[in-house]
């Protein structure tokens, strides 16, 4: 990773009140953020709240679910390095 790039961050539970604050701080610092959450409505609200932030990605799922965890691992593995 180049020293000029902000690290990418995975936030689990980023749709709650504490998580949203963490997401906001990370985006403000220039870090690309992937938020994984179980509630599609809350994920949509988060995307709407940060609509002007190109560094925000969301994914519906739960790491407690094997299928979701595999899908998350595959998504992360496919990201450019």
PDB file of N, CA and C in Angstrom:
ATOM      1  N   UNK A   1       0.838  -1.177   0.000  1.00  0.00           N
ATOM      2  CA  UNK A   1       0.000   0.000   0.000  1.00  0.00           C
ATOM      3  C   UNK A   1       0.884   1.242   0.000  1.00  0.00           C
ATOM      4  N   UNK A   2       0.535   2.201  -0.775  1.00  0.00           N
ATOM      5  CA  UNK A   2       1.267   3.459  -0.858  1.00  0.00           C
ATOM      6  C   UNK A   2       1.020   4.293   0.392  1.00  0.00           C
ATOM      7  N   UNK A   3       1.982   5.078   0.794  1.00  0.00           N
ATOM      8  CA  UNK A   3       1.830   5.933   1.953  1.00  0.00           C
ATOM      9  C   UNK A   3       0.810   7.038   1.758  1.00  0.00           C
ATOM     10  N   UNK A   4       0.388   7.284   0.524  1.00  0.00           N
ATOM     11  CA  UNK A   4      -0.581   8.341   0.262  1.00  0.00           C
ATOM     12  C   UNK A   4      -2.013   7.842   0.322  1.00  0.00           C
ATOM     13  N   UNK A   5      -2.206   6.546   0.427  1.00  0.00           N
ATOM     14  CA  UNK A   5      -3.553   5.997   0.482  1.00  0.00           C
ATOM     15  C   UNK A   5      -3.966   5.749   1.920  1.00  0.00           C
ATOM     16  N   UNK A   6      -5.212   6.091   2.240  1.00  0.00           N
ATOM     17  CA  UNK A   6      -5.737   5.785   3.565  1.00  0.00           C
ATOM     18  C   UNK A   6      -6.080   4.303   3.604  1.00  0.00           C
ATOM     19  N   UNK A   7      -5.896   3.661   4.746  1.00  0.00           N
ATOM     20  CA  UNK A   7      -6.219   2.234   4.826  1.00  0.00           C
ATOM     21  C   UNK A   7      -7.720   1.999   4.702  1.00  0.00           C
ATOM     22  N   UNK A   8      -8.068   0.894   4.069  1.00  0.00           N
ATOM     23  CA  UNK A   8      -9.472   0.507   3.992  1.00  0.00           C
ATOM     24  C   UNK A   8      -9.877  -0.096   5.328  1.00  0.00           C
ATOM     25  N   UNK A   9     -11.114   0.162   5.726  1.00  0.00           N
ATOM     26  CA  UNK A   9     -11.573  -0.281   7.035  1.00  0.00           C
ATOM     27  C   UNK A   9     -12.885  -1.033   6.891  1.00  0.00           C
ATOM     28  N   UNK A  10     -12.980  -2.167   7.578  1.00  0.00           N
ATOM     29  CA  UNK A  10     -14.207  -2.947   7.663  1.00  0.00           C
ATOM     30  C   UNK A  10     -14.852  -2.632   8.999  1.00  0.00           C
ATOM     31  N   UNK A  11     -16.127  -2.216   8.974  1.00  0.00           N
ATOM     32  CA  UNK A  11     -16.850  -1.913  10.210  1.00  0.00           C
ATOM     33  C   UNK A  11     -18.040  -2.857  10.307  1.00  0.00           C
ATOM     34  N   UNK A  12     -18.031  -3.669  11.351  1.00  0.00           N
ATOM     35  CA  UNK A  12     -19.161  -4.544  11.646  1.00  0.00           C
ATOM     36  C   UNK A  12     -20.048  -3.811  12.644  1.00  0.00           C
ATOM     37  N   UNK A  13     -21.343  -3.794  12.396  1.00  0.00           N
ATOM     38  CA  UNK A  13     -22.240  -3.070  13.289  1.00  0.00           C
ATOM     39  C   UNK A  13     -22.171  -1.567  13.094  1.00  0.00           C
ATOM     40  N   UNK A  14     -21.917  -1.145  11.888  1.00  0.00           N
ATOM     41  CA  UNK A  14     -21.761   0.277  11.607  1.00  0.00           C
ATOM     42  C   UNK A  14     -23.054   1.040  11.437  1.00  0.00           C
ATOM     43  N   UNK A  15     -24.200   0.388  11.625  1.00  0.00           N
ATOM     44  CA  UNK A  15     -25.469   1.086  11.443  1.00  0.00           C
ATOM     45  C   UNK A  15     -26.074   1.558  12.756  1.00  0.00           C
ATOM     46  N   UNK A  16     -25.515   1.162  13.883  1.00  0.00           N
ATOM     47  CA  UNK A  16     -25.994   1.640  15.180  1.00  0.00           C
ATOM     48  C   UNK A  16     -25.448   3.024  15.470  1.00  0.00           C
ATOM     49  N   UNK A  17     -25.851   3.591  16.591  1.00  0.00           N
ATOM     50  CA  UNK A  17     -25.439   4.966  16.895  1.00  0.00           C
ATOM     51  C   UNK A  17     -23.927   5.083  17.084  1.00  0.00           C
ATOM     52  N   UNK A  18     -23.312   4.151  17.781  1.00  0.00           N
ATOM     53  CA  UNK A  18     -21.859   4.189  17.961  1.00  0.00           C
ATOM     54  C   UNK A  18     -21.167   3.897  16.632  1.00  0.00           C
ATOM     55  N   UNK A  19     -21.649   2.892  15.923  1.00  0.00           N
ATOM     56  CA  UNK A  19     -21.061   2.523  14.638  1.00  0.00           C
ATOM     57  C   UNK A  19     -21.118   3.648  13.626  1.00  0.00           C
ATOM     58  N   UNK A  20     -22.230   4.377  13.596  1.00  0.00           N
ATOM     59  CA  UNK A  20     -22.348   5.496  12.664  1.00  0.00           C
ATOM     60  C   UNK A  20     -21.311   6.570  12.964  1.00  0.00           C
ATOM     61  N   UNK A  21     -21.044   6.796  14.237  1.00  0.00           N
ATOM     62  CA  UNK A  21     -20.016   7.764  14.613  1.00  0.00           C
ATOM     63  C   UNK A  21     -18.637   7.322  14.161  1.00  0.00           C
ATOM     64  N   UNK A  22     -18.374   6.029  14.290  1.00  0.00           N
ATOM     65  CA  UNK A  22     -17.093   5.481  13.837  1.00  0.00           C
ATOM     66  C   UNK A  22     -16.967   5.623  12.327  1.00  0.00           C
ATOM     67  N   UNK A  23     -18.035   5.272  11.614  1.00  0.00           N
ATOM     68  CA  UNK A  23     -18.036   5.387  10.153  1.00  0.00           C
ATOM     69  C   UNK A  23     -17.804   6.840   9.740  1.00  0.00           C
ATOM     70  N   UNK A  24     -18.494   7.768  10.384  1.00  0.00           N
ATOM     71  CA  UNK A  24     -18.340   9.189  10.052  1.00  0.00           C
ATOM     72  C   UNK A  24     -16.897   9.648  10.252  1.00  0.00           C
ATOM     73  N   UNK A  25     -16.289   9.246  11.367  1.00  0.00           N
ATOM     74  CA  UNK A  25     -14.908   9.657  11.646  1.00  0.00           C
ATOM     75  C   UNK A  25     -13.935   9.068  10.629  1.00  0.00           C
ATOM     76  N   UNK A  26     -14.141   7.817  10.268  1.00  0.00           N
ATOM     77  CA  UNK A  26     -13.259   7.178   9.290  1.00  0.00           C
ATOM     78  C   UNK A  26     -13.378   7.834   7.919  1.00  0.00           C
ATOM     79  N   UNK A  27     -14.612   8.104   7.497  1.00  0.00           N
ATOM     80  CA  UNK A  27     -14.814   8.754   6.205  1.00  0.00           C
ATOM     81  C   UNK A  27     -14.209  10.155   6.209  1.00  0.00           C
ATOM     82  N   UNK A  28     -14.380  10.868   7.310  1.00  0.00           N
ATOM     83  CA  UNK A  28     -13.815  12.215   7.419  1.00  0.00           C
ATOM     84  C   UNK A  28     -12.290  12.179   7.333  1.00  0.00           C
ATOM     85  N   UNK A  29     -11.702  11.106   7.841  1.00  0.00           N
ATOM     86  CA  UNK A  29     -10.244  10.950   7.787  1.00  0.00           C
ATOM     87  C   UNK A  29      -9.768  10.489   6.413  1.00  0.00           C
ATOM     88  N   UNK A  30     -10.718  10.188   5.519  1.00  0.00           N
ATOM     89  CA  UNK A  30     -10.360   9.801   4.163  1.00  0.00           C
ATOM     90  C   UNK A  30     -10.221   8.316   3.930  1.00  0.00           C
ATOM     91  N   UNK A  31     -10.613   7.518   4.900  1.00  0.00           N
ATOM     92  CA  UNK A  31     -10.513   6.063   4.738  1.00  0.00           C
ATOM     93  C   UNK A  31     -11.722   5.509   4.007  1.00  0.00           C
ATOM     94  N   UNK A  32     -11.499   4.639   3.027  1.00  0.00           N
ATOM     95  CA  UNK A  32     -12.616   3.909   2.440  1.00  0.00           C
ATOM     96  C   UNK A  32     -13.163   2.943   3.492  1.00  0.00           C
ATOM     97  N   UNK A  33     -14.491   2.851   3.585  1.00  0.00           N
ATOM     98  CA  UNK A  33     -15.122   2.052   4.633  1.00  0.00           C
ATOM     99  C   UNK A  33     -16.132   1.085   4.022  1.00  0.00           C
ATOM    100  N   UNK A  34     -16.052  -0.173   4.444  1.00  0.00           N
ATOM    101  CA  UNK A  34     -17.049  -1.183   4.102  1.00  0.00           C
ATOM    102  C   UNK A  34     -17.793  -1.513   5.379  1.00  0.00           C
ATOM    103  N   UNK A  35     -19.104  -1.251   5.394  1.00  0.00           N
ATOM    104  CA  UNK A  35     -19.945  -1.523   6.556  1.00  0.00           C
ATOM    105  C   UNK A  35     -20.782  -2.758   6.273  1.00  0.00           C
ATOM    106  N   UNK A  36     -20.727  -3.722   7.181  1.00  0.00           N
ATOM    107  CA  UNK A  36     -21.546  -4.925   7.085  1.00  0.00           C
ATOM    108  C   UNK A  36     -22.615  -4.836   8.162  1.00  0.00           C
ATOM    109  N   UNK A  37     -23.863  -5.037   7.757  1.00  0.00           N
ATOM    110  CA  UNK A  37     -24.967  -4.980   8.709  1.00  0.00           C
ATOM    111  C   UNK A  37     -26.072  -5.944   8.343  1.00  0.00           C
ATOM    112  N   UNK A  38     -26.914  -6.242   9.328  1.00  0.00           N
ATOM    113  CA  UNK A  38     -27.996  -7.210   9.139  1.00  0.00           C
ATOM    114  C   UNK A  38     -29.314  -6.574   8.741  1.00  0.00           C
ATOM    115  N   UNK A  39     -29.435  -5.266   8.917  1.00  0.00           N
ATOM    116  CA  UNK A  39     -30.711  -4.602   8.691  1.00  0.00           C
ATOM    117  C   UNK A  39     -30.654  -3.784   7.399  1.00  0.00           C
ATOM    118  N   UNK A  40     -31.402  -4.211   6.369  1.00  0.00           N
ATOM    119  CA  UNK A  40     -31.330  -3.489   5.089  1.00  0.00           C
ATOM    120  C   UNK A  40     -31.802  -2.042   5.183  1.00  0.00           C
ATOM    121  N   UNK A  41     -32.781  -1.776   6.024  1.00  0.00           N
ATOM    122  CA  UNK A  41     -33.262  -0.408   6.184  1.00  0.00           C
ATOM    123  C   UNK A  41     -32.213   0.503   6.790  1.00  0.00           C
ATOM    124  N   UNK A  42     -31.502  -0.005   7.778  1.00  0.00           N
ATOM    125  CA  UNK A  42     -30.440   0.792   8.410  1.00  0.00           C
ATOM    126  C   UNK A  42     -29.264   1.002   7.464  1.00  0.00           C
ATOM    127  N   UNK A  43     -28.953  -0.012   6.655  1.00  0.00           N
ATOM    128  CA  UNK A  43     -27.881   0.161   5.668  1.00  0.00           C
ATOM    129  C   UNK A  43     -28.267   1.221   4.644  1.00  0.00           C
ATOM    130  N   UNK A  44     -29.528   1.196   4.206  1.00  0.00           N
ATOM    131  CA  UNK A  44     -30.003   2.202   3.248  1.00  0.00           C
ATOM    132  C   UNK A  44     -29.940   3.595   3.862  1.00  0.00           C
ATOM    133  N   UNK A  45     -30.326   3.717   5.134  1.00  0.00           N
ATOM    134  CA  UNK A  45     -30.272   5.013   5.813  1.00  0.00           C
ATOM    135  C   UNK A  45     -28.831   5.505   5.938  1.00  0.00           C
ATOM    136  N   UNK A  46     -27.914   4.590   6.198  1.00  0.00           N
ATOM    137  CA  UNK A  46     -26.497   4.959   6.290  1.00  0.00           C
ATOM    138  C   UNK A  46     -25.985   5.462   4.942  1.00  0.00           C
ATOM    139  N   UNK A  47     -26.350   4.756   3.868  1.00  0.00           N
ATOM    140  CA  UNK A  47     -25.938   5.202   2.519  1.00  0.00           C
ATOM    141  C   UNK A  47     -26.519   6.578   2.210  1.00  0.00           C
ATOM    142  N   UNK A  48     -27.759   6.806   2.627  1.00  0.00           N
ATOM    143  CA  UNK A  48     -28.387   8.104   2.390  1.00  0.00           C
ATOM    144  C   UNK A  48     -27.689   9.199   3.206  1.00  0.00           C
ATOM    145  N   UNK A  49     -27.371   8.882   4.451  1.00  0.00           N
ATOM    146  CA  UNK A  49     -26.700   9.850   5.324  1.00  0.00           C
ATOM    147  C   UNK A  49     -25.352  10.275   4.753  1.00  0.00           C
ATOM    148  N   UNK A  50     -24.651   9.341   4.138  1.00  0.00           N
ATOM    149  CA  UNK A  50     -23.317   9.618   3.599  1.00  0.00           C
ATOM    150  C   UNK A  50     -23.312   9.532   2.069  1.00  0.00           C
ATOM    151  N   UNK A  51     -24.378   9.992   1.448  1.00  0.00           N
ATOM    152  CA  UNK A  51     -24.537   9.886  -0.006  1.00  0.00           C
ATOM    153  C   UNK A  51     -23.412  10.581  -0.773  1.00  0.00           C
ATOM    154  N   UNK A  52     -22.823  11.605  -0.196  1.00  0.00           N
ATOM    155  CA  UNK A  52     -21.756  12.349  -0.875  1.00  0.00           C
ATOM    156  C   UNK A  52     -20.374  11.755  -0.636  1.00  0.00           C
ATOM    157  N   UNK A  53     -20.303  10.635   0.052  1.00  0.00           N
ATOM    158  CA  UNK A  53     -19.024  10.001   0.380  1.00  0.00           C
ATOM    159  C   UNK A  53     -18.774   8.808  -0.539  1.00  0.00           C
ATOM    160  N   UNK A  54     -17.898   8.964  -1.530  1.00  0.00           N
ATOM    161  CA  UNK A  54     -17.642   7.851  -2.451  1.00  0.00           C
ATOM    162  C   UNK A  54     -16.908   6.682  -1.795  1.00  0.00           C
ATOM    163  N   UNK A  55     -16.324   6.898  -0.621  1.00  0.00           N
ATOM    164  CA  UNK A  55     -15.562   5.843   0.041  1.00  0.00           C
ATOM    165  C   UNK A  55     -16.396   4.878   0.853  1.00  0.00           C
ATOM    166  N   UNK A  56     -17.717   5.067   0.877  1.00  0.00           N
ATOM    167  CA  UNK A  56     -18.577   4.191   1.672  1.00  0.00           C
ATOM    168  C   UNK A  56     -19.164   3.078   0.820  1.00  0.00           C
ATOM    169  N   UNK A  57     -19.003   1.856   1.299  1.00  0.00           N
ATOM    170  CA  UNK A  57     -19.672   0.698   0.712  1.00  0.00           C
ATOM    171  C   UNK A  57     -20.427  -0.002   1.828  1.00  0.00           C
ATOM    172  N   UNK A  58     -21.545  -0.623   1.485  1.00  0.00           N
ATOM    173  CA  UNK A  58     -22.289  -1.392   2.474  1.00  0.00           C
ATOM    174  C   UNK A  58     -22.549  -2.788   1.935  1.00  0.00           C
ATOM    175  N   UNK A  59     -22.737  -3.702   2.871  1.00  0.00           N
ATOM    176  CA  UNK A  59     -23.024  -5.089   2.511  1.00  0.00           C
ATOM    177  C   UNK A  59     -23.994  -5.655   3.534  1.00  0.00           C
ATOM    178  N   UNK A  60     -25.060  -6.250   3.049  1.00  0.00           N
ATOM    179  CA  UNK A  60     -26.024  -6.911   3.915  1.00  0.00           C
ATOM    180  C   UNK A  60     -25.480  -8.270   4.308  1.00  0.00           C
ATOM    181  N   UNK A  61     -25.434  -8.548   5.605  1.00  0.00           N
ATOM    182  CA  UNK A  61     -24.958  -9.847   6.053  1.00  0.00           C
ATOM    183  C   UNK A  61     -24.614  -9.840   7.523  1.00  0.00           C
ATOM    184  N   UNK A  62     -24.195 -11.005   7.995  1.00  0.00           N
ATOM    185  CA  UNK A  62     -23.790 -11.179   9.384  1.00  0.00           C
ATOM    186  C   UNK A  62     -22.623 -12.147   9.426  1.00  0.00           C
ATOM    187  N   UNK A  63     -21.585 -11.805  10.167  1.00  0.00           N
ATOM    188  CA  UNK A  63     -20.450 -12.715  10.272  1.00  0.00           C
ATOM    189  C   UNK A  63     -20.807 -13.949  11.092  1.00  0.00           C
ATOM    190  N   UNK A  64     -21.954 -13.932  11.764  1.00  0.00           N
ATOM    191  CA  UNK A  64     -22.416 -15.107  12.503  1.00  0.00           C
ATOM    192  C   UNK A  64     -23.023 -16.154  11.568  1.00  0.00           C
ATOM    193  N   UNK A  65     -23.295 -15.758  10.332  1.00  0.00           N
ATOM    194  CA  UNK A  65     -23.854 -16.660   9.325  1.00  0.00           C
ATOM    195  C   UNK A  65     -22.731 -17.101   8.391  1.00  0.00           C
ATOM    196  N   UNK A  66     -22.548 -18.411   8.268  1.00  0.00           N
ATOM    197  CA  UNK A  66     -21.439 -18.924   7.454  1.00  0.00           C
ATOM    198  C   UNK A  66     -21.471 -18.411   6.015  1.00  0.00           C
ATOM    199  N   UNK A  67     -22.649 -18.396   5.404  1.00  0.00           N
ATOM    200  CA  UNK A  67     -22.757 -17.928   4.020  1.00  0.00           C
ATOM    201  C   UNK A  67     -22.379 -16.461   3.877  1.00  0.00           C
ATOM    202  N   UNK A  68     -22.856 -15.641   4.801  1.00  0.00           N
ATOM    203  CA  UNK A  68     -22.517 -14.218   4.773  1.00  0.00           C
ATOM    204  C   UNK A  68     -21.031 -14.000   5.011  1.00  0.00           C
ATOM    205  N   UNK A  69     -20.475 -14.761   5.946  1.00  0.00           N
ATOM    206  CA  UNK A  69     -19.045 -14.618   6.242  1.00  0.00           C
ATOM    207  C   UNK A  69     -18.203 -15.002   5.033  1.00  0.00           C
ATOM    208  N   UNK A  70     -18.598 -16.063   4.341  1.00  0.00           N
ATOM    209  CA  UNK A  70     -17.869 -16.460   3.124  1.00  0.00           C
ATOM    210  C   UNK A  70     -17.981 -15.386   2.048  1.00  0.00           C
ATOM    211  N   UNK A  71     -19.197 -14.859   1.865  1.00  0.00           N
ATOM    212  CA  UNK A  71     -19.396 -13.812   0.859  1.00  0.00           C
ATOM    213  C   UNK A  71     -18.551 -12.580   1.182  1.00  0.00           C
ATOM    214  N   UNK A  72     -18.470 -12.234   2.455  1.00  0.00           N
ATOM    215  CA  UNK A  72     -17.648 -11.099   2.864  1.00  0.00           C
ATOM    216  C   UNK A  72     -16.174 -11.371   2.581  1.00  0.00           C
ATOM    217  N   UNK A  73     -15.711 -12.555   2.927  1.00  0.00           N
ATOM    218  CA  UNK A  73     -14.307 -12.912   2.675  1.00  0.00           C
ATOM    219  C   UNK A  73     -13.993 -12.859   1.185  1.00  0.00           C
ATOM    220  N   UNK A  74     -14.909 -13.347   0.355  1.00  0.00           N
ATOM    221  CA  UNK A  74     -14.706 -13.308  -1.097  1.00  0.00           C
ATOM    222  C   UNK A  74     -14.675 -11.870  -1.602  1.00  0.00           C
ATOM    223  N   UNK A  75     -15.564 -11.048  -1.074  1.00  0.00           N
ATOM    224  CA  UNK A  75     -15.608  -9.651  -1.510  1.00  0.00           C
ATOM    225  C   UNK A  75     -14.309  -8.934  -1.150  1.00  0.00           C
ATOM    226  N   UNK A  76     -13.821  -9.184   0.042  1.00  0.00           N
ATOM    227  CA  UNK A  76     -12.569  -8.555   0.469  1.00  0.00           C
ATOM    228  C   UNK A  76     -11.400  -9.069  -0.365  1.00  0.00           C
ATOM    229  N   UNK A  77     -11.380 -10.365  -0.642  1.00  0.00           N
ATOM    230  CA  UNK A  77     -10.284 -10.957  -1.422  1.00  0.00           C
ATOM    231  C   UNK A  77     -10.229 -10.401  -2.843  1.00  0.00           C
ATOM    232  N   UNK A  78     -11.366  -9.978  -3.389  1.00  0.00           N
ATOM    233  CA  UNK A  78     -11.420  -9.466  -4.759  1.00  0.00           C
ATOM    234  C   UNK A  78     -11.044  -7.992  -4.857  1.00  0.00           C
ATOM    235  N   UNK A  79     -10.882  -7.331  -3.726  1.00  0.00           N
ATOM    236  CA  UNK A  79     -10.558  -5.898  -3.753  1.00  0.00           C
ATOM    237  C   UNK A  79      -9.134  -5.696  -4.263  1.00  0.00           C
ATOM    238  N   UNK A  80      -8.907  -4.623  -5.000  1.00  0.00           N
ATOM    239  CA  UNK A  80      -7.541  -4.337  -5.458  1.00  0.00           C
ATOM    240  C   UNK A  80      -6.640  -4.048  -4.267  1.00  0.00           C
ATOM    241  N   UNK A  81      -5.406  -4.442  -4.409  1.00  0.00           N
ATOM    242  CA  UNK A  81      -4.436  -4.224  -3.311  1.00  0.00           C
ATOM    243  C   UNK A  81      -3.437  -3.181  -3.708  1.00  0.00           C
TER     244      UNK A  81
END
